[in-house]
Amino acid sequence: MKNAVPLTSAFLRNRLDITRKSLCGQRVVLRQLTPVKEELKVPQPGLRTRKVSWWRSIFFVGSLSISVVVLLILFGPALYYTVFPSDPIPLKTSETGTPLGGRFDKGTQAEKRTVTLPPRDESLPEGEWLIIPSIGVKAQIQENANSDEALQKGVWRVPNFGTAGDTTKPMILAAHRYGYLWWWQNGSQYWRYNSFYLLPKVLPGDQIEIIADKRKFTYEVYAGEEGKEISDYNADLILYTCRFLNADARFFRYARLLDLNKNTQLTFAKNQ
């Protein structure tokens, strides 16, 4: 049997040396082959590398710009009103009186009035409800000493003030304008029914309904303003919400309780 053996000089020298040492009883140490380390290939700057760096730069600049815009939206108004406190800005109108004869600049608490209690209507829902037809609000009024818990659900009645039908002190209702904690809960329309996002669109002459104890109380908006604090506690009903997500500026609307059993045109005409 013949084997093909490479008869090269290097092969013969290596094998003969090992054979001679073995025959002479000398110790033979076989040299281990060490793997040759491959040189680390460093990519040379080229078109692909430049493209990656370019897109990273765009991503960084875009992320930074978005972060700055978000911070300005959240904290810009608060910083502005801290540096430049705003005076109350009244709601202006070209009309001289409301559709029911009231004056826009005159409240009702300054006068002693007796309002006939509306009759009970068993078809009305249980609990207390706020309805503002002009902006589509229909929310159940939350009674809670903790304002944060109440505002998370919708419209909150401020304690220690009036209730529906009270003519001795105002009923004050507040709600988030943006509803950032519950905007998309319970359906996409929940925020509109339960927030005061559109409160700035409520104008003098608009009517507001309060349902309580299965009675419907009707109010008429006579004034409004933008400011930091309530300026007219002579109203029967006060609505307010924040102008921005994080600022002291607020929108206020003032309304008077109507007695639908009386001729309000003649009553208010005497006061003008």
Protein backbone atom coordinates (compact mmCIF):
# COMPACT_ATOMS: atom_id res chain seq x y z
CA MET A 1 0.00 0.00 0.00
CA LYS A 2 1.49 3.27 -1.06
CA ASN A 3 0.86 6.57 0.70
CA ALA A 4 1.36 9.89 -0.89
CA VAL A 5 3.97 11.61 1.32
CA PRO A 6 5.02 15.15 0.56
CA LEU A 7 8.74 14.89 -0.13
CA THR A 8 9.73 18.42 0.67
CA SER A 9 13.02 19.33 2.26
CA ALA A 10 11.38 21.06 5.21
CA PHE A 11 9.18 18.04 5.90
CA LEU A 12 12.11 15.62 5.76
CA ARG A 13 14.29 17.75 8.02
CA ASN A 14 11.58 17.97 10.68
CA ARG A 15 10.75 14.28 10.58
CA LEU A 16 14.36 13.09 10.48
CA ASP A 17 15.25 15.19 13.49
CA ILE A 18 12.36 13.82 15.53
CA THR A 19 13.16 10.23 14.45
CA ARG A 20 16.88 10.53 15.25
CA LYS A 21 16.15 11.87 18.74
CA SER A 22 13.63 9.11 19.37
CA LEU A 23 16.10 6.38 18.33
CA CYS A 24 18.80 7.87 20.54
CA GLY A 25 16.47 7.90 23.57
CA GLN A 26 16.33 11.65 23.71
CA ARG A 27 13.23 13.40 24.90
CA VAL A 28 11.19 14.81 22.12
CA VAL A 29 9.13 17.94 22.82
CA LEU A 30 6.52 18.62 20.25
CA ARG A 31 6.03 22.29 19.64
CA GLN A 32 2.40 23.35 19.89
CA LEU A 33 1.11 25.48 17.21
CA THR A 34 -0.20 28.79 18.58
CA PRO A 35 -3.11 30.31 16.74
CA VAL A 36 -2.23 33.42 14.92
CA LYS A 37 -4.24 36.31 16.19
CA GLU A 38 -6.06 38.10 13.50
CA GLU A 39 -5.40 41.74 13.35
CA LEU A 40 -8.34 43.83 14.48
CA LYS A 41 -9.77 45.44 11.46
CA VAL A 42 -10.63 49.03 12.08
CA PRO A 43 -13.28 50.26 9.68
CA GLN A 44 -12.07 53.11 7.67
CA PRO A 45 -14.32 56.18 7.61
CA GLY A 46 -16.50 55.93 4.62
CA LEU A 47 -19.92 56.78 3.28
CA ARG A 48 -21.83 54.40 5.59
CA THR A 49 -20.10 55.69 8.74
CA ARG A 50 -20.83 59.27 7.79
CA LYS A 51 -24.51 58.40 7.26
CA VAL A 52 -24.77 56.82 10.74
CA SER A 53 -23.19 59.89 12.38
CA TRP A 54 -25.49 62.18 10.44
CA TRP A 55 -28.64 60.37 11.58
CA ARG A 56 -27.43 60.29 15.17
CA SER A 57 -26.95 64.03 15.08
CA ILE A 58 -30.46 64.53 13.70
CA PHE A 59 -31.92 62.24 16.38
CA PHE A 60 -30.08 64.10 19.16
CA VAL A 61 -31.14 67.54 17.94
CA GLY A 62 -34.75 66.38 17.48
CA SER A 63 -34.93 64.83 20.96
CA LEU A 64 -33.46 67.96 22.52
CA SER A 65 -35.92 70.20 20.68
CA ILE A 66 -38.91 68.10 21.76
CA SER A 67 -37.73 68.15 25.37
CA VAL A 68 -37.38 71.94 25.34
CA VAL A 69 -40.87 72.38 23.83
CA VAL A 70 -42.45 70.06 26.43
CA LEU A 71 -40.74 71.92 29.29
CA LEU A 72 -41.91 75.27 27.91
CA ILE A 73 -45.49 74.02 27.65
CA LEU A 74 -45.49 72.64 31.20
CA PHE A 75 -43.55 75.29 33.07
CA GLY A 76 -43.45 78.30 30.76
CA PRO A 77 -46.83 79.77 31.82
CA ALA A 78 -46.05 79.32 35.53
CA LEU A 79 -42.71 81.07 35.11
CA TYR A 80 -44.28 83.87 33.09
CA TYR A 81 -47.05 84.58 35.63
CA THR A 82 -44.50 84.43 38.45
CA VAL A 83 -42.41 87.16 36.85
CA PHE A 84 -45.36 89.13 35.42
CA PRO A 85 -48.43 88.81 37.68
CA SER A 86 -51.63 89.43 35.74
CA ASP A 87 -54.52 91.65 36.75
CA PRO A 88 -58.08 90.36 36.25
CA ILE A 89 -59.18 90.63 32.63
CA PRO A 90 -63.00 90.97 32.40
CA LEU A 91 -65.00 89.27 29.69
CA LYS A 92 -66.09 91.96 27.26
CA THR A 93 -69.31 91.93 25.29
CA SER A 94 -71.00 94.33 22.92
CA GLU A 95 -74.45 93.53 24.33
CA THR A 96 -76.09 95.76 26.94
CA GLY A 97 -78.01 93.02 28.73
CA THR A 98 -78.64 89.30 28.87
CA PRO A 99 -81.51 87.69 26.94
CA LEU A 100 -83.53 87.55 30.18
CA GLY A 101 -82.95 91.17 31.04
CA GLY A 102 -79.99 91.02 33.43
CA ARG A 103 -76.99 93.31 33.44
CA PHE A 104 -73.59 91.81 32.70
CA ASP A 105 -71.86 93.81 35.42
CA LYS A 106 -74.34 93.19 38.24
CA GLY A 107 -74.46 90.23 40.59
CA THR A 108 -77.33 89.09 42.75
CA GLN A 109 -76.03 88.38 46.25
CA ALA A 110 -76.01 92.08 47.11
CA GLU A 111 -79.82 92.06 47.01
CA LYS A 112 -82.21 90.17 49.23
CA ARG A 113 -84.27 87.88 47.04
CA THR A 114 -86.69 85.06 47.47
CA VAL A 115 -86.61 82.40 44.78
CA THR A 116 -89.41 79.90 44.40
CA LEU A 117 -88.11 76.36 44.78
CA PRO A 118 -88.48 74.41 41.52
CA PRO A 119 -90.89 71.45 41.70
CA ARG A 120 -89.56 67.91 42.04
CA ASP A 121 -89.36 65.94 38.83
CA GLU A 122 -89.04 62.19 39.34
CA SER A 123 -87.73 61.77 35.80
CA LEU A 124 -84.56 63.65 36.73
CA PRO A 125 -81.48 61.58 37.71
CA GLU A 126 -80.35 60.95 41.27
CA GLY A 127 -77.49 62.99 42.70
CA GLU A 128 -76.23 66.43 41.73
CA TRP A 129 -75.50 67.29 38.10
CA LEU A 130 -74.10 70.25 36.19
CA ILE A 131 -75.33 70.88 32.63
CA ILE A 132 -73.93 73.62 30.38
CA PRO A 133 -75.73 73.24 27.03
CA SER A 134 -73.59 75.80 25.17
CA ILE A 135 -70.39 73.73 25.56
CA GLY A 136 -71.83 70.23 26.00
CA VAL A 137 -70.91 69.70 29.67
CA LYS A 138 -72.97 67.11 31.54
CA ALA A 139 -71.17 66.02 34.68
CA GLN A 140 -72.06 64.64 38.07
CA ILE A 141 -70.94 67.02 40.81
CA GLN A 142 -68.39 65.48 43.17
CA GLU A 143 -68.83 66.04 46.91
CA ASN A 144 -65.47 65.46 48.57
CA ALA A 145 -63.31 67.28 51.12
CA ASN A 146 -60.24 66.13 49.14
CA SER A 147 -60.12 68.32 46.03
CA ASP A 148 -57.52 66.17 44.24
CA GLU A 149 -59.65 63.05 44.46
CA ALA A 150 -62.77 64.91 43.32
CA LEU A 151 -61.08 66.69 40.41
CA GLN A 152 -59.74 63.39 39.09
CA LYS A 153 -63.37 62.39 38.46
CA GLY A 154 -64.67 65.70 37.13
CA VAL A 155 -66.53 68.69 38.58
CA TRP A 156 -65.96 69.43 42.27
CA ARG A 157 -68.15 71.55 44.55
CA VAL A 158 -66.01 73.64 46.89
CA PRO A 159 -67.10 72.91 50.50
CA ASN A 160 -68.20 75.61 52.95
CA PHE A 161 -69.96 77.55 50.20
CA GLY A 162 -73.49 77.46 48.83
CA THR A 163 -75.45 74.58 47.35
CA ALA A 164 -77.98 74.47 44.52
CA GLY A 165 -80.71 77.09 44.99
CA ASP A 166 -78.86 78.95 47.75
CA THR A 167 -79.21 82.75 47.50
CA THR A 168 -77.18 83.62 50.60
CA LYS A 169 -73.73 82.53 49.40
CA PRO A 170 -72.40 81.36 46.04
CA MET A 171 -72.15 77.77 44.90
CA ILE A 172 -68.59 77.32 43.57
CA LEU A 173 -67.76 74.58 41.06
CA ALA A 174 -64.27 73.80 39.77
CA ALA A 175 -62.88 71.31 37.26
CA HIS A 176 -59.70 70.57 35.37
CA ARG A 177 -59.52 72.16 31.97
CA TYR A 178 -57.27 69.51 30.44
CA GLY A 179 -58.12 66.49 32.58
CA TYR A 180 -54.58 65.19 32.27
CA LEU A 181 -55.17 62.31 34.74
CA TRP A 182 -58.36 60.92 33.23
CA TRP A 183 -58.69 62.47 29.77
CA TRP A 184 -59.06 59.15 27.93
CA GLN A 185 -60.78 57.14 30.65
CA ASN A 186 -64.30 55.76 30.28
CA GLY A 187 -64.58 56.58 26.61
CA SER A 188 -63.24 59.29 24.38
CA GLN A 189 -66.05 61.76 25.24
CA TYR A 190 -65.61 61.59 29.01
CA TRP A 191 -63.18 64.52 29.09
CA ARG A 192 -65.61 66.78 27.23
CA TYR A 193 -68.59 66.00 29.45
CA ASN A 194 -66.62 66.34 32.70
CA SER A 195 -63.95 68.97 32.07
CA PHE A 196 -64.05 72.77 31.74
CA TYR A 197 -61.88 72.82 28.63
CA LEU A 198 -64.45 74.95 26.78
CA LEU A 199 -65.37 77.16 29.74
CA PRO A 200 -63.77 80.24 28.07
CA LYS A 201 -66.43 79.93 25.34
CA VAL A 202 -69.26 80.39 27.86
CA LEU A 203 -70.63 83.91 27.28
CA PRO A 204 -72.93 86.22 29.24
CA GLY A 205 -76.51 85.18 28.62
CA ASP A 206 -75.74 81.44 28.45
CA GLN A 207 -77.87 79.34 30.77
CA ILE A 208 -76.56 76.72 33.19
CA GLU A 209 -78.62 74.00 34.85
CA ILE A 210 -78.01 72.36 38.22
CA ILE A 211 -79.95 69.21 39.09
CA ALA A 212 -80.17 68.46 42.81
CA ASP A 213 -82.75 66.56 44.85
CA LYS A 214 -84.59 65.88 41.56
CA ARG A 215 -85.07 69.63 41.05
CA LYS A 216 -83.69 71.66 38.16
CA PHE A 217 -82.22 75.04 39.04
CA THR A 218 -81.57 77.45 36.16
CA TYR A 219 -78.77 80.02 36.21
CA GLU A 220 -77.77 82.73 33.77
CA VAL A 221 -74.17 83.82 33.18
CA TYR A 222 -73.81 87.58 33.59
CA ALA A 223 -70.02 88.07 33.79
CA GLY A 224 -66.65 86.43 33.39
CA GLU A 225 -62.96 87.18 33.69
CA GLU A 226 -59.43 85.83 33.61
CA GLY A 227 -57.33 86.27 36.74
CA LYS A 228 -55.91 84.62 39.83
CA GLU A 229 -58.74 84.99 42.33
CA ILE A 230 -62.52 85.25 42.45
CA SER A 231 -63.49 88.93 42.38
CA ASP A 232 -67.31 88.67 42.56
CA TYR A 233 -68.72 86.72 45.50
CA ASN A 234 -72.13 88.28 44.86
CA ALA A 235 -72.86 85.62 42.23
CA ASP A 236 -75.17 82.69 42.94
CA LEU A 237 -72.96 80.31 40.93
CA ILE A 238 -69.22 80.56 40.19
CA LEU A 239 -67.40 78.29 37.74
CA TYR A 240 -63.64 78.31 37.33
CA THR A 241 -60.77 76.33 35.79
CA CYS A 242 -57.07 76.85 35.16
CA ARG A 243 -56.01 78.56 31.96
CA PHE A 244 -52.87 76.46 31.50
CA LEU A 245 -51.78 73.11 32.82
CA ASN A 246 -49.42 74.67 35.34
CA ALA A 247 -50.12 78.34 36.07
CA ASP A 248 -51.99 80.59 38.49
CA ALA A 249 -54.14 82.17 35.76
CA ARG A 250 -57.75 80.95 35.78
CA PHE A 251 -60.98 81.48 33.88
CA PHE A 252 -64.03 82.51 35.94
CA ARG A 253 -67.72 82.66 35.04
CA TYR A 254 -70.35 84.25 37.28
CA ALA A 255 -74.05 83.38 37.09
CA ARG A 256 -77.29 84.31 38.90
CA LEU A 257 -80.14 82.04 39.90
CA LEU A 258 -83.31 82.60 37.89
CA ASP A 259 -86.82 82.30 39.19
CA LEU A 260 -88.71 80.95 36.19
CA ASN A 261 -92.01 81.68 37.92
CA LYS A 262 -91.37 85.43 37.82
CA ASN A 263 -91.01 87.99 35.06
CA THR A 264 -87.28 88.46 35.20
CA GLN A 265 -87.34 91.07 32.46
CA LEU A 266 -89.28 93.47 34.69
CA THR A 267 -87.26 92.57 37.79
CA PHE A 268 -83.90 93.31 36.22
CA ALA A 269 -85.20 96.31 34.31
CA LYS A 270 -85.81 98.11 37.60
CA ASN A 271 -82.19 97.64 38.61
CA GLN A 272 -80.73 99.07 35.43
